[in-house]
Amino acid sequence: MTHPSRVVLATDHAGFSLKEAVKKHLAEKGIDVIDVGTFSDEQVDYPEIMRKGAAVVLEYECPGIFFGKSGNGEAMAANKVRGIRAAVCYNEEITKLAREHNDANVMSIGAGFLKEADAFRLIDIFLTTEFVGGRHVARIADLEIPLL
């Protein structure tokens, strides 16, 4: 698979500098970036930014890359938006499985735990790995059913 033509980026203050580096990395590949913020390393709360990013991912039907210190809270916030399947990606195998088995449309990165080059490698894997379908289709559909 080739890279998508467009990617949404969202971050809090802890992921700001990595987001900026990723923006350049994606531009070098000819990928259009929609950056929903934040736009500095000044402290902000992440939930609203992640919800905004998730809405843009759904609107443009393109992948998202979200950043925070650990990536966990950012994924949790994004996953509150119906239609988003955000996965915390921290190594190659997890990143590949997030796409192949879970059809993740958002990758969440812990900027406090990955070096820039490692983040670039994982992003390239996320953006070029396809969902395998098959037995996983029913599981993905089941994720959309509210439990309560």
N, C-alpha and C. Protein backbone atom coordinates (compact mmCIF):
# COMPACT_ATOMS: atom_id res chain seq x y z
N MET A 1 0.84 -1.19 0.00
CA MET A 1 0.00 0.00 0.00
C MET A 1 0.88 1.24 0.00
N THR A 2 0.43 2.25 -0.68
CA THR A 2 1.13 3.53 -0.65
C THR A 2 0.60 4.37 0.49
N HIS A 3 1.29 5.45 0.78
CA HIS A 3 0.84 6.35 1.83
C HIS A 3 -0.48 7.00 1.43
N PRO A 4 -1.32 7.33 2.43
CA PRO A 4 -2.54 8.08 2.12
C PRO A 4 -2.17 9.49 1.67
N SER A 5 -3.10 10.18 1.03
CA SER A 5 -2.81 11.53 0.55
C SER A 5 -2.97 12.58 1.64
N ARG A 6 -3.67 12.22 2.73
CA ARG A 6 -3.95 13.20 3.79
C ARG A 6 -3.90 12.50 5.14
N VAL A 7 -3.40 13.22 6.16
CA VAL A 7 -3.32 12.71 7.53
C VAL A 7 -3.66 13.85 8.48
N VAL A 8 -4.40 13.53 9.54
CA VAL A 8 -4.73 14.49 10.58
C VAL A 8 -3.75 14.34 11.74
N LEU A 9 -3.22 15.45 12.22
CA LEU A 9 -2.34 15.45 13.39
C LEU A 9 -3.01 16.21 14.53
N ALA A 10 -2.90 15.66 15.74
CA ALA A 10 -3.42 16.31 16.94
C ALA A 10 -2.47 16.02 18.09
N THR A 11 -2.27 17.01 18.95
CA THR A 11 -1.36 16.82 20.07
C THR A 11 -1.71 17.71 21.25
N ASP A 12 -1.19 17.34 22.39
CA ASP A 12 -1.15 18.26 23.52
C ASP A 12 0.26 18.84 23.57
N HIS A 13 0.57 19.57 24.62
CA HIS A 13 1.88 20.22 24.74
C HIS A 13 3.04 19.23 24.77
N ALA A 14 2.82 18.06 25.36
CA ALA A 14 3.91 17.09 25.50
C ALA A 14 4.34 16.49 24.17
N GLY A 15 3.45 16.48 23.20
CA GLY A 15 3.78 15.92 21.90
C GLY A 15 4.06 16.96 20.83
N PHE A 16 4.02 18.25 21.21
CA PHE A 16 4.13 19.31 20.23
C PHE A 16 5.39 19.21 19.35
N SER A 17 6.56 19.08 19.95
CA SER A 17 7.78 19.08 19.13
C SER A 17 7.84 17.86 18.22
N LEU A 18 7.38 16.70 18.68
CA LEU A 18 7.36 15.53 17.80
C LEU A 18 6.35 15.71 16.68
N LYS A 19 5.20 16.29 16.99
CA LYS A 19 4.20 16.56 15.94
C LYS A 19 4.79 17.43 14.85
N GLU A 20 5.54 18.46 15.25
CA GLU A 20 6.14 19.35 14.26
C GLU A 20 7.14 18.60 13.38
N ALA A 21 7.93 17.71 13.96
CA ALA A 21 8.88 16.92 13.18
C ALA A 21 8.15 15.96 12.25
N VAL A 22 7.07 15.35 12.74
CA VAL A 22 6.27 14.43 11.92
C VAL A 22 5.63 15.19 10.76
N LYS A 23 5.18 16.40 11.01
CA LYS A 23 4.58 17.21 9.95
C LYS A 23 5.56 17.37 8.78
N LYS A 24 6.83 17.64 9.09
CA LYS A 24 7.86 17.77 8.06
C LYS A 24 8.11 16.42 7.37
N HIS A 25 8.16 15.35 8.16
CA HIS A 25 8.37 14.00 7.63
C HIS A 25 7.27 13.65 6.62
N LEU A 26 6.04 13.94 6.96
CA LEU A 26 4.93 13.63 6.07
C LEU A 26 4.93 14.52 4.83
N ALA A 27 5.26 15.79 5.00
CA ALA A 27 5.33 16.71 3.86
C ALA A 27 6.38 16.25 2.85
N GLU A 28 7.49 15.72 3.33
CA GLU A 28 8.54 15.21 2.44
C GLU A 28 8.04 14.04 1.61
N LYS A 29 7.02 13.34 2.10
CA LYS A 29 6.42 12.22 1.37
C LYS A 29 5.26 12.68 0.50
N GLY A 30 4.99 13.98 0.48
CA GLY A 30 3.91 14.52 -0.32
C GLY A 30 2.53 14.34 0.30
N ILE A 31 2.48 14.11 1.59
CA ILE A 31 1.21 13.90 2.29
C ILE A 31 0.70 15.23 2.83
N ASP A 32 -0.56 15.54 2.53
CA ASP A 32 -1.21 16.74 3.03
C ASP A 32 -1.53 16.53 4.51
N VAL A 33 -1.16 17.50 5.33
CA VAL A 33 -1.37 17.40 6.77
C VAL A 33 -2.44 18.39 7.21
N ILE A 34 -3.40 17.90 7.97
CA ILE A 34 -4.37 18.76 8.64
C ILE A 34 -3.97 18.76 10.11
N ASP A 35 -3.51 19.88 10.58
CA ASP A 35 -3.00 20.02 11.96
C ASP A 35 -4.08 20.72 12.78
N VAL A 36 -4.66 20.00 13.74
CA VAL A 36 -5.72 20.60 14.57
C VAL A 36 -5.18 21.12 15.90
N GLY A 37 -3.86 21.11 16.06
CA GLY A 37 -3.27 21.68 17.27
C GLY A 37 -2.78 20.62 18.22
N THR A 38 -2.26 21.10 19.25
CA THR A 38 -1.98 22.43 19.71
C THR A 38 -0.78 22.98 18.94
N PHE A 39 -0.57 24.28 19.07
CA PHE A 39 0.42 24.93 18.22
C PHE A 39 1.60 25.52 19.00
N SER A 40 1.79 25.02 20.22
CA SER A 40 2.95 25.43 21.02
C SER A 40 3.14 24.38 22.12
N ASP A 41 4.20 24.56 22.90
CA ASP A 41 4.42 23.64 24.01
C ASP A 41 3.83 24.18 25.32
N GLU A 42 2.97 25.19 25.21
CA GLU A 42 2.27 25.71 26.39
C GLU A 42 1.24 24.68 26.85
N GLN A 43 1.17 24.46 28.14
CA GLN A 43 0.32 23.40 28.70
C GLN A 43 -1.15 23.58 28.31
N VAL A 44 -1.74 22.48 27.83
CA VAL A 44 -3.16 22.44 27.47
C VAL A 44 -3.73 21.09 27.91
N ASP A 45 -5.05 21.02 28.00
CA ASP A 45 -5.72 19.75 28.25
C ASP A 45 -6.02 19.11 26.91
N TYR A 46 -5.78 17.81 26.80
CA TYR A 46 -5.85 17.12 25.51
C TYR A 46 -7.23 16.66 25.06
N PRO A 47 -8.21 16.37 25.91
CA PRO A 47 -9.44 15.72 25.41
C PRO A 47 -10.14 16.47 24.27
N GLU A 48 -10.29 17.77 24.41
CA GLU A 48 -10.99 18.53 23.36
C GLU A 48 -10.22 18.49 22.03
N ILE A 49 -8.90 18.58 22.11
CA ILE A 49 -8.08 18.55 20.89
C ILE A 49 -8.21 17.19 20.20
N MET A 50 -8.21 16.11 20.98
CA MET A 50 -8.32 14.77 20.40
C MET A 50 -9.70 14.55 19.79
N ARG A 51 -10.75 15.06 20.46
CA ARG A 51 -12.10 14.94 19.88
C ARG A 51 -12.19 15.70 18.57
N LYS A 52 -11.59 16.88 18.52
CA LYS A 52 -11.56 17.66 17.28
C LYS A 52 -10.81 16.89 16.19
N GLY A 53 -9.66 16.34 16.54
CA GLY A 53 -8.90 15.55 15.57
C GLY A 53 -9.69 14.35 15.08
N ALA A 54 -10.38 13.67 16.00
CA ALA A 54 -11.19 12.50 15.62
C ALA A 54 -12.30 12.90 14.65
N ALA A 55 -12.94 14.03 14.91
CA ALA A 55 -14.01 14.50 14.02
C ALA A 55 -13.46 14.77 12.62
N VAL A 56 -12.25 15.32 12.54
CA VAL A 56 -11.65 15.61 11.23
C VAL A 56 -11.25 14.31 10.52
N VAL A 57 -10.75 13.33 11.26
CA VAL A 57 -10.45 12.01 10.68
C VAL A 57 -11.70 11.44 10.02
N LEU A 58 -12.82 11.53 10.71
CA LEU A 58 -14.07 10.99 10.15
C LEU A 58 -14.57 11.83 8.98
N GLU A 59 -14.46 13.15 9.10
CA GLU A 59 -14.92 14.04 8.03
C GLU A 59 -14.17 13.79 6.73
N TYR A 60 -12.86 13.65 6.81
CA TYR A 60 -12.03 13.49 5.62
C TYR A 60 -11.74 12.03 5.28
N GLU A 61 -12.20 11.12 6.13
CA GLU A 61 -11.98 9.69 5.92
C GLU A 61 -10.52 9.38 5.66
N CYS A 62 -9.69 9.89 6.56
CA CYS A 62 -8.25 9.69 6.45
C CYS A 62 -7.70 9.31 7.82
N PRO A 63 -6.49 8.78 7.88
CA PRO A 63 -5.92 8.40 9.17
C PRO A 63 -5.52 9.61 10.01
N GLY A 64 -5.41 9.35 11.31
CA GLY A 64 -4.94 10.37 12.23
C GLY A 64 -3.75 9.87 13.02
N ILE A 65 -2.89 10.80 13.39
CA ILE A 65 -1.76 10.52 14.27
C ILE A 65 -1.86 11.52 15.41
N PHE A 66 -2.07 10.98 16.62
CA PHE A 66 -2.27 11.80 17.79
C PHE A 66 -1.10 11.59 18.75
N PHE A 67 -0.72 12.65 19.44
CA PHE A 67 0.47 12.64 20.29
C PHE A 67 0.15 13.13 21.70
N GLY A 68 0.84 12.58 22.66
CA GLY A 68 0.81 13.04 24.04
C GLY A 68 2.03 12.49 24.73
N LYS A 69 2.13 12.68 26.00
CA LYS A 69 3.30 12.15 26.73
C LYS A 69 3.36 10.63 26.63
N SER A 70 2.24 9.94 26.98
CA SER A 70 2.21 8.48 26.89
C SER A 70 1.40 7.98 25.70
N GLY A 71 0.50 8.81 25.20
CA GLY A 71 -0.40 8.39 24.13
C GLY A 71 -1.66 7.72 24.64
N ASN A 72 -1.68 7.33 25.90
CA ASN A 72 -2.84 6.61 26.44
C ASN A 72 -4.08 7.48 26.55
N GLY A 73 -3.97 8.61 27.23
CA GLY A 73 -5.14 9.48 27.39
C GLY A 73 -5.66 9.98 26.06
N GLU A 74 -4.74 10.24 25.14
CA GLU A 74 -5.14 10.72 23.82
C GLU A 74 -5.96 9.66 23.08
N ALA A 75 -5.53 8.40 23.17
CA ALA A 75 -6.29 7.31 22.55
C ALA A 75 -7.65 7.15 23.23
N MET A 76 -7.68 7.25 24.54
CA MET A 76 -8.94 7.13 25.27
C MET A 76 -9.92 8.22 24.84
N ALA A 77 -9.44 9.45 24.74
CA ALA A 77 -10.30 10.56 24.33
C ALA A 77 -10.80 10.34 22.90
N ALA A 78 -9.92 9.96 21.99
CA ALA A 78 -10.32 9.74 20.60
C ALA A 78 -11.33 8.61 20.48
N ASN A 79 -11.15 7.56 21.26
CA ASN A 79 -12.04 6.40 21.18
C ASN A 79 -13.44 6.68 21.71
N LYS A 80 -13.66 7.81 22.32
CA LYS A 80 -15.01 8.21 22.74
C LYS A 80 -15.85 8.66 21.55
N VAL A 81 -15.19 8.92 20.43
CA VAL A 81 -15.88 9.39 19.22
C VAL A 81 -16.27 8.17 18.39
N ARG A 82 -17.57 8.01 18.15
CA ARG A 82 -18.08 6.86 17.38
C ARG A 82 -17.42 6.81 16.01
N GLY A 83 -16.88 5.65 15.68
CA GLY A 83 -16.22 5.47 14.39
C GLY A 83 -14.71 5.55 14.46
N ILE A 84 -14.20 5.96 15.60
CA ILE A 84 -12.74 6.03 15.77
C ILE A 84 -12.25 4.76 16.44
N ARG A 85 -11.16 4.25 15.93
CA ARG A 85 -10.47 3.10 16.51
C ARG A 85 -9.01 3.51 16.67
N ALA A 86 -8.72 4.09 17.84
CA ALA A 86 -7.37 4.59 18.12
C ALA A 86 -6.58 3.54 18.89
N ALA A 87 -5.36 3.33 18.46
CA ALA A 87 -4.47 2.37 19.11
C ALA A 87 -3.19 3.07 19.53
N VAL A 88 -2.74 2.76 20.73
CA VAL A 88 -1.43 3.26 21.19
C VAL A 88 -0.37 2.40 20.50
N CYS A 89 0.48 3.05 19.73
CA CYS A 89 1.48 2.33 18.93
C CYS A 89 2.87 2.65 19.48
N TYR A 90 3.57 1.60 19.91
CA TYR A 90 4.86 1.80 20.55
C TYR A 90 5.95 0.88 20.02
N ASN A 91 5.59 -0.08 19.17
CA ASN A 91 6.62 -0.88 18.50
C ASN A 91 6.06 -1.35 17.16
N GLU A 92 6.91 -1.96 16.36
CA GLU A 92 6.52 -2.31 14.99
C GLU A 92 5.38 -3.32 14.95
N GLU A 93 5.44 -4.37 15.75
CA GLU A 93 4.42 -5.41 15.69
C GLU A 93 3.06 -4.89 16.14
N ILE A 94 3.02 -4.14 17.24
CA ILE A 94 1.76 -3.58 17.72
C ILE A 94 1.16 -2.65 16.67
N THR A 95 2.00 -1.84 16.05
CA THR A 95 1.54 -0.90 15.03
C THR A 95 0.95 -1.63 13.83
N LYS A 96 1.64 -2.66 13.38
CA LYS A 96 1.16 -3.44 12.23
C LYS A 96 -0.16 -4.14 12.56
N LEU A 97 -0.26 -4.73 13.75
CA LEU A 97 -1.49 -5.42 14.14
C LEU A 97 -2.65 -4.45 14.34
N ALA A 98 -2.36 -3.25 14.80
CA ALA A 98 -3.41 -2.24 14.96
C ALA A 98 -4.12 -1.99 13.63
N ARG A 99 -3.37 -2.00 12.55
CA ARG A 99 -3.96 -1.80 11.22
C ARG A 99 -4.54 -3.12 10.68
N GLU A 100 -3.73 -4.19 10.69
CA GLU A 100 -4.16 -5.45 10.07
C GLU A 100 -5.39 -6.05 10.74
N HIS A 101 -5.42 -6.10 12.06
CA HIS A 101 -6.49 -6.80 12.78
C HIS A 101 -7.57 -5.87 13.32
N ASN A 102 -7.20 -4.63 13.66
CA ASN A 102 -8.16 -3.73 14.31
C ASN A 102 -8.64 -2.60 13.42
N ASP A 103 -8.10 -2.51 12.22
CA ASP A 103 -8.45 -1.44 11.29
C ASP A 103 -8.40 -0.08 11.98
N ALA A 104 -7.37 0.13 12.80
CA ALA A 104 -7.21 1.40 13.51
C ALA A 104 -7.13 2.54 12.50
N ASN A 105 -7.89 3.59 12.76
CA ASN A 105 -7.82 4.76 11.89
C ASN A 105 -7.09 5.92 12.57
N VAL A 106 -6.70 5.72 13.82
CA VAL A 106 -5.87 6.69 14.54
C VAL A 106 -4.77 5.93 15.27
N MET A 107 -3.55 6.42 15.12
CA MET A 107 -2.46 5.90 15.94
C MET A 107 -2.14 6.96 16.98
N SER A 108 -1.94 6.51 18.20
CA SER A 108 -1.61 7.41 19.29
C SER A 108 -0.18 7.10 19.72
N ILE A 109 0.62 8.15 19.81
CA ILE A 109 2.04 8.00 20.08
C ILE A 109 2.42 8.68 21.39
N GLY A 110 3.14 7.97 22.22
CA GLY A 110 3.70 8.54 23.44
C GLY A 110 5.00 9.23 23.13
N ALA A 111 4.93 10.54 22.94
CA ALA A 111 6.12 11.30 22.56
C ALA A 111 7.20 11.27 23.63
N GLY A 112 6.81 10.99 24.86
CA GLY A 112 7.80 10.92 25.93
C GLY A 112 8.56 9.61 25.96
N PHE A 113 8.20 8.68 25.07
CA PHE A 113 8.78 7.34 25.13
C PHE A 113 9.36 6.86 23.80
N LEU A 114 9.26 7.66 22.75
CA LEU A 114 9.80 7.26 21.44
C LEU A 114 10.76 8.32 20.92
N LYS A 115 11.84 7.87 20.36
CA LYS A 115 12.75 8.76 19.67
C LYS A 115 12.11 9.13 18.33
N GLU A 116 12.50 10.27 17.80
CA GLU A 116 11.93 10.76 16.55
C GLU A 116 12.04 9.74 15.42
N ALA A 117 13.20 9.15 15.22
CA ALA A 117 13.39 8.18 14.14
C ALA A 117 12.48 6.96 14.32
N ASP A 118 12.31 6.52 15.57
CA ASP A 118 11.42 5.38 15.84
C ASP A 118 9.97 5.76 15.53
N ALA A 119 9.57 6.96 15.91
CA ALA A 119 8.21 7.42 15.61
C ALA A 119 7.98 7.45 14.09
N PHE A 120 8.95 7.96 13.34
CA PHE A 120 8.81 8.00 11.88
C PHE A 120 8.62 6.60 11.31
N ARG A 121 9.41 5.65 11.81
CA ARG A 121 9.32 4.27 11.33
C ARG A 121 7.93 3.69 11.62
N LEU A 122 7.42 3.91 12.83
CA LEU A 122 6.09 3.39 13.18
C LEU A 122 5.00 4.06 12.36
N ILE A 123 5.13 5.35 12.14
CA ILE A 123 4.15 6.07 11.33
C ILE A 123 4.12 5.52 9.92
N ASP A 124 5.28 5.27 9.34
CA ASP A 124 5.33 4.71 7.98
C ASP A 124 4.67 3.33 7.94
N ILE A 125 4.88 2.53 8.97
CA ILE A 125 4.21 1.22 9.04
C ILE A 125 2.71 1.40 9.14
N PHE A 126 2.27 2.27 10.03
CA PHE A 126 0.83 2.50 10.22
C PHE A 126 0.17 2.95 8.92
N LEU A 127 0.81 3.87 8.23
CA LEU A 127 0.21 4.46 7.03
C LEU A 127 0.25 3.56 5.81
N THR A 128 1.07 2.52 5.83
CA THR A 128 1.18 1.65 4.65
C THR A 128 0.65 0.24 4.88
N THR A 129 0.19 -0.06 6.07
CA THR A 129 -0.33 -1.40 6.37
C THR A 129 -1.84 -1.41 6.18
N GLU A 130 -2.33 -2.42 5.49
CA GLU A 130 -3.77 -2.51 5.22
C GLU A 130 -4.48 -3.46 6.18
N PHE A 131 -5.73 -3.20 6.41
CA PHE A 131 -6.62 -4.07 7.17
C PHE A 131 -6.79 -5.36 6.39
N VAL A 132 -6.65 -6.51 7.06
CA VAL A 132 -6.74 -7.79 6.35
C VAL A 132 -8.16 -8.29 6.18
N GLY A 133 -9.09 -7.73 6.94
CA GLY A 133 -10.49 -8.14 6.81
C GLY A 133 -10.73 -9.52 7.38
N GLY A 134 -11.46 -10.35 6.65
CA GLY A 134 -11.73 -11.71 7.09
C GLY A 134 -12.44 -11.76 8.42
N ARG A 135 -11.95 -12.62 9.31
CA ARG A 135 -12.60 -12.83 10.61
C ARG A 135 -12.63 -11.56 11.46
N HIS A 136 -11.79 -10.58 11.12
CA HIS A 136 -11.71 -9.35 11.90
C HIS A 136 -12.85 -8.38 11.61
N VAL A 137 -13.52 -8.54 10.49
CA VAL A 137 -14.61 -7.63 10.11
C VAL A 137 -15.72 -7.64 11.16
N ALA A 138 -16.15 -8.82 11.57
CA ALA A 138 -17.23 -8.93 12.56
C ALA A 138 -16.78 -8.34 13.90
N ARG A 139 -15.53 -8.52 14.24
CA ARG A 139 -15.03 -7.97 15.51
C ARG A 139 -15.04 -6.44 15.48
N ILE A 140 -14.65 -5.88 14.38
CA ILE A 140 -14.64 -4.43 14.24
C ILE A 140 -16.09 -3.91 14.33
N ALA A 141 -17.01 -4.58 13.69
CA ALA A 141 -18.42 -4.19 13.76
C ALA A 141 -18.93 -4.27 15.19
N ASP A 142 -18.51 -5.27 15.92
CA ASP A 142 -18.95 -5.44 17.31
C ASP A 142 -18.46 -4.31 18.20
N LEU A 143 -17.34 -3.69 17.85
CA LEU A 143 -16.84 -2.56 18.63
C LEU A 143 -17.79 -1.38 18.60
N GLU A 144 -18.60 -1.28 17.58
CA GLU A 144 -19.53 -0.15 17.42
C GLU A 144 -20.80 -0.30 18.24
N ILE A 145 -21.04 -1.47 18.82
CA ILE A 145 -22.25 -1.71 19.58
C ILE A 145 -22.05 -1.21 21.01
N PRO A 146 -22.84 -0.22 21.44
CA PRO A 146 -22.70 0.25 22.83
C PRO A 146 -23.02 -0.85 23.82
N LEU A 147 -22.25 -0.95 24.87
CA LEU A 147 -22.45 -2.00 25.86
C LEU A 147 -23.46 -1.60 26.93
N LEU A 148 -23.60 -0.33 27.19
CA LEU A 148 -24.52 0.14 28.23
C LEU A 148 -25.53 1.08 27.66
